[in-house]
Amino acid sequence: MKFKTTLLGLTILTLTGCTSKAQQTTNTVKIVGEMKSVMWKGQLYGNINLDTIGNKINLYGLGPVEYLAGEILIIDGKSYKSTVVTDTTMKVEETYNIKAPFFGYANVAKWTEQTLPDSILTIQQLEQYVDKISKSSPRPFMFKLSGTVEQATIHIVNLPKGSKVSSPDEAHKGQVNYNLKNEQSEIIGFFSTEHKAIFTHHDTYLHIHLITTDRQKMGHLDEVLFKKGTMKLYLPTE
């Protein structure tokens, strides 16, 4: 049976009476904390320890490190943390020993693959396309992309220790941007029309992190130019 409950203003689907392994694994996105509480109220502390997520099979997730000290990406059950080393270098390590002030995650066992149309080259075009093709699908949802990015800009939050935050500008103090060119990459994204300021910025339906296939670079994706003919889009199989 399915019941809807509300937590922190979010509608969360709860399955009861499910005993099979297939039923236990759903595409439902779980969200802990809120972006606006971090950006406007300065609630920088960790609301979730990633190691406490019980089911890590087929797990995907994203968010910042507590106290805005880095970025997090979980892809196919493996968790990565990126932190700033210099303005041109970063450290990417595989670990679940991380806390996040807000975080979204889902267990996605099966994906439906399609080739991304050549006309979809930017984040804005991707947002419109994903919105269009998912009108009849359950929302919110996680999605992924794989292929070559001709150019991309990713950032890692790097708030100086002891900083107080009461606005988005203050929250991004110390942030470092990194430019990528012709990188084989995987991208994990969150899509929702209902989570602005909760898990997406106020002007987008997307929250996206990118990691290169060599696992040497990872961060929040701000700008991208996809290489035509190389990108595969994966949406959760209903």
Protein backbone atom coordinates (compact mmCIF):
# COMPACT_ATOMS: atom_id res chain seq x y z
CA MET A 1 0.00 0.00 0.00
CA LYS A 2 1.10 3.59 -0.55
CA PHE A 3 0.72 6.45 1.88
CA LYS A 4 1.78 10.08 1.53
CA THR A 5 3.22 11.87 4.52
CA THR A 6 4.62 15.37 4.87
CA LEU A 7 7.99 16.12 6.46
CA LEU A 8 9.73 19.52 6.34
CA GLY A 9 7.15 20.58 3.80
CA LEU A 10 8.03 17.69 1.48
CA THR A 11 5.65 15.03 0.28
CA ILE A 12 7.29 11.67 0.80
CA LEU A 13 5.93 8.40 -0.54
CA THR A 14 6.01 5.58 2.00
CA LEU A 15 5.51 1.97 0.97
CA THR A 16 4.01 -0.41 3.51
CA GLY A 17 3.51 -4.12 3.44
CA CYS A 18 6.44 -4.53 1.04
CA THR A 19 8.52 -7.60 1.60
CA SER A 20 10.15 -8.48 -1.72
CA LYS A 21 13.57 -7.09 -2.64
CA ALA A 22 12.10 -5.54 -5.79
CA GLN A 23 9.46 -3.70 -3.79
CA GLN A 24 11.97 -2.45 -1.24
CA THR A 25 14.06 -0.78 -3.94
CA THR A 26 12.27 2.30 -5.24
CA ASN A 27 13.22 5.41 -7.18
CA THR A 28 11.79 7.69 -4.48
CA VAL A 29 14.08 10.62 -3.70
CA LYS A 30 14.71 11.25 -0.02
CA ILE A 31 15.70 14.77 0.99
CA VAL A 32 17.28 15.70 4.31
CA GLY A 33 17.57 19.36 5.32
CA GLU A 34 16.92 22.42 3.17
CA MET A 35 19.19 24.59 1.07
CA LYS A 36 17.49 27.79 2.26
CA SER A 37 18.21 26.94 5.90
CA VAL A 38 21.90 26.78 5.05
CA MET A 39 21.99 29.85 2.82
CA TRP A 40 19.77 32.19 4.86
CA LYS A 41 19.84 30.81 8.42
CA GLY A 42 23.43 29.65 8.55
CA GLN A 43 22.56 26.09 9.56
CA LEU A 44 25.84 24.65 8.31
CA TYR A 45 26.07 21.59 10.53
CA GLY A 46 25.52 18.08 9.24
CA ASN A 47 21.93 16.85 9.19
CA ILE A 48 22.89 13.44 7.85
CA ASN A 49 25.90 11.19 8.17
CA LEU A 50 26.13 9.38 4.85
CA ASP A 51 27.40 6.23 6.53
CA THR A 52 24.01 5.89 8.23
CA ILE A 53 22.18 5.38 4.91
CA GLY A 54 21.15 1.76 5.26
CA ASN A 55 20.76 0.64 1.67
CA LYS A 56 23.76 1.62 -0.42
CA ILE A 57 22.95 -0.70 -3.33
CA ASN A 58 22.23 1.27 -6.52
CA LEU A 59 22.50 4.45 -4.46
CA TYR A 60 22.79 7.90 -6.03
CA GLY A 61 22.96 11.22 -4.20
CA LEU A 62 24.39 14.72 -4.01
CA GLY A 63 24.87 17.71 -1.74
CA PRO A 64 27.55 19.77 0.00
CA VAL A 65 29.85 18.77 2.85
CA GLU A 66 28.87 20.15 6.27
CA TYR A 67 30.07 23.69 6.96
CA LEU A 68 30.27 24.06 3.17
CA ALA A 69 33.72 22.49 3.10
CA GLY A 70 33.37 20.51 -0.13
CA GLU A 71 31.03 18.64 -2.45
CA ILE A 72 29.53 15.13 -2.29
CA LEU A 73 28.45 12.74 -5.03
CA ILE A 74 27.22 9.18 -4.66
CA ILE A 75 27.18 7.23 -7.91
CA ASP A 76 26.15 3.57 -8.13
CA GLY A 77 26.79 3.00 -4.44
CA LYS A 78 30.20 4.70 -4.30
CA SER A 79 30.52 7.96 -2.39
CA TYR A 80 33.00 10.69 -3.36
CA LYS A 81 34.02 13.89 -1.56
CA SER A 82 35.84 16.74 -3.31
CA THR A 83 37.70 19.49 -1.49
CA VAL A 84 39.74 22.48 -2.62
CA VAL A 85 43.54 22.20 -2.62
CA THR A 86 44.41 25.27 -4.69
CA ASP A 87 42.68 27.46 -7.27
CA THR A 88 43.61 24.89 -9.93
CA THR A 89 43.71 21.58 -8.05
CA MET A 90 41.31 19.56 -5.92
CA LYS A 91 41.26 16.37 -3.89
CA VAL A 92 38.68 13.68 -4.68
CA GLU A 93 38.42 10.78 -2.27
CA GLU A 94 36.05 7.83 -1.97
CA THR A 95 34.43 7.79 1.47
CA TYR A 96 31.10 7.53 3.28
CA ASN A 97 32.52 9.21 6.36
CA ILE A 98 30.91 12.56 5.53
CA LYS A 99 28.12 14.71 6.90
CA ALA A 100 25.94 17.05 4.85
CA PRO A 101 23.67 19.95 5.89
CA PHE A 102 21.24 19.06 3.10
CA PHE A 103 21.29 16.02 0.87
CA GLY A 104 19.16 14.21 -1.69
CA TYR A 105 19.46 10.53 -2.55
CA ALA A 106 17.64 7.60 -4.13
CA ASN A 107 18.15 3.94 -4.89
CA VAL A 108 17.71 3.47 -8.63
CA ALA A 109 18.05 -0.14 -9.75
CA LYS A 110 17.09 0.28 -13.41
CA TRP A 111 17.55 3.09 -15.91
CA THR A 112 16.01 3.79 -19.30
CA GLU A 113 18.71 4.98 -21.68
CA GLN A 114 18.41 7.36 -24.60
CA THR A 115 20.84 9.35 -26.71
CA LEU A 116 20.66 13.03 -25.82
CA PRO A 117 19.56 14.98 -28.91
CA ASP A 118 22.31 17.06 -30.55
CA SER A 119 20.19 20.16 -29.99
CA ILE A 120 20.61 19.78 -26.20
CA LEU A 121 23.98 21.32 -25.39
CA THR A 122 23.57 23.41 -22.22
CA ILE A 123 22.13 23.07 -18.73
CA GLN A 124 19.20 25.33 -19.62
CA GLN A 125 18.36 23.23 -22.69
CA LEU A 126 18.73 20.05 -20.62
CA GLU A 127 16.32 21.38 -18.00
CA GLN A 128 13.66 22.18 -20.60
CA TYR A 129 14.13 18.82 -22.30
CA VAL A 130 13.97 16.76 -19.11
CA ASP A 131 10.89 18.69 -18.00
CA LYS A 132 9.19 18.04 -21.34
CA ILE A 133 9.84 14.31 -21.52
CA SER A 134 9.01 13.58 -17.87
CA LYS A 135 5.59 15.23 -17.60
CA SER A 136 3.90 11.89 -16.91
CA SER A 137 6.64 10.49 -14.69
CA PRO A 138 6.76 10.53 -10.86
CA ARG A 139 8.58 13.59 -9.56
CA PRO A 140 11.05 14.47 -8.10
CA PHE A 141 13.60 12.04 -9.53
CA MET A 142 17.28 11.42 -10.02
CA PHE A 143 18.77 11.17 -13.51
CA LYS A 144 22.21 10.63 -14.94
CA LEU A 145 24.25 11.47 -18.02
CA SER A 146 27.44 10.03 -19.43
CA GLY A 147 29.61 11.20 -22.30
CA THR A 148 32.06 13.94 -23.22
CA VAL A 149 31.78 17.56 -22.12
CA GLU A 150 33.52 19.94 -24.50
CA GLN A 151 33.60 22.57 -21.79
CA ALA A 152 32.29 22.74 -18.26
CA THR A 153 32.57 24.80 -15.11
CA ILE A 154 32.22 23.07 -11.78
CA HIS A 155 32.62 24.54 -8.32
CA ILE A 156 33.54 23.34 -4.87
CA VAL A 157 32.23 25.26 -1.87
CA ASN A 158 35.11 26.17 0.42
CA LEU A 159 33.77 28.34 3.22
CA PRO A 160 36.51 29.60 5.55
CA LYS A 161 36.35 27.90 8.95
CA GLY A 162 34.36 29.82 11.53
CA SER A 163 32.39 31.79 8.96
CA LYS A 164 28.83 32.88 9.71
CA VAL A 165 26.30 32.70 6.89
CA SER A 166 23.09 34.70 6.45
CA SER A 167 22.87 34.99 2.65
CA PRO A 168 23.78 33.00 -0.48
CA ASP A 169 26.65 35.42 -1.18
CA GLU A 170 28.15 34.69 2.23
CA ALA A 171 27.60 30.95 1.75
CA HIS A 172 29.68 30.97 -1.43
CA LYS A 173 32.59 32.88 0.08
CA GLY A 174 35.79 30.98 -0.71
CA GLN A 175 34.15 28.93 -3.48
CA VAL A 176 36.56 27.82 -6.20
CA ASN A 177 35.54 27.30 -9.83
CA TYR A 178 37.29 24.77 -12.07
CA ASN A 179 37.15 24.69 -15.87
CA LEU A 180 37.05 21.37 -17.72
CA LYS A 181 37.71 20.69 -21.42
CA ASN A 182 37.03 17.52 -23.41
CA GLU A 183 36.51 15.39 -20.33
CA GLN A 184 34.82 12.00 -20.27
CA SER A 185 32.31 12.53 -17.49
CA GLU A 186 29.36 11.18 -15.56
CA ILE A 187 26.70 13.50 -14.24
CA ILE A 188 24.14 12.84 -11.53
CA GLY A 189 21.21 15.21 -11.37
CA PHE A 190 18.07 15.92 -9.35
CA PHE A 191 14.95 17.26 -11.08
CA SER A 192 11.93 18.82 -9.42
CA THR A 193 9.54 21.68 -10.08
CA GLU A 194 8.61 21.79 -6.38
CA HIS A 195 11.93 22.10 -4.55
CA LYS A 196 13.27 25.55 -5.38
CA ALA A 197 15.30 26.85 -2.40
CA ILE A 198 14.88 23.44 -0.78
CA PHE A 199 17.15 21.37 -2.99
CA THR A 200 17.61 23.51 -6.10
CA HIS A 201 18.49 27.18 -6.45
CA HIS A 202 15.56 29.56 -6.88
CA ASP A 203 15.97 29.88 -10.64
CA THR A 204 16.24 26.23 -11.69
CA TYR A 205 14.58 22.83 -11.43
CA LEU A 206 17.97 21.09 -11.42
CA HIS A 207 20.75 20.30 -8.97
CA ILE A 208 23.65 18.60 -10.77
CA HIS A 209 27.09 17.27 -9.86
CA LEU A 210 29.70 16.08 -12.35
CA ILE A 211 32.56 13.62 -11.89
CA THR A 212 35.15 12.73 -14.51
CA THR A 213 35.42 9.05 -15.38
CA ASP A 214 38.97 8.95 -14.00
CA ARG A 215 37.51 10.18 -10.68
CA GLN A 216 40.06 12.99 -10.46
CA LYS A 217 37.61 15.93 -10.67
CA MET A 218 34.17 16.36 -9.13
CA GLY A 219 31.95 19.28 -8.21
CA HIS A 220 28.67 21.13 -8.60
CA LEU A 221 27.99 21.71 -12.31
CA ASP A 222 27.39 25.37 -13.16
CA GLU A 223 27.91 25.54 -16.93
CA VAL A 224 28.41 22.93 -19.63
CA LEU A 225 28.68 22.43 -23.35
CA PHE A 226 27.96 18.82 -24.23
CA LYS A 227 29.82 17.26 -27.14
CA LYS A 228 27.27 16.39 -29.82
CA GLY A 229 26.57 12.73 -30.34
CA THR A 230 28.37 11.53 -27.20
CA MET A 231 25.86 12.05 -24.41
CA LYS A 232 23.58 9.36 -23.03
CA LEU A 233 20.67 10.34 -20.76
CA TYR A 234 19.34 7.88 -18.20
CA LEU A 235 15.98 8.25 -16.47
CA PRO A 236 14.68 5.94 -13.72
CA THR A 237 12.68 3.02 -15.09
CA GLU A 238 9.20 3.14 -13.59
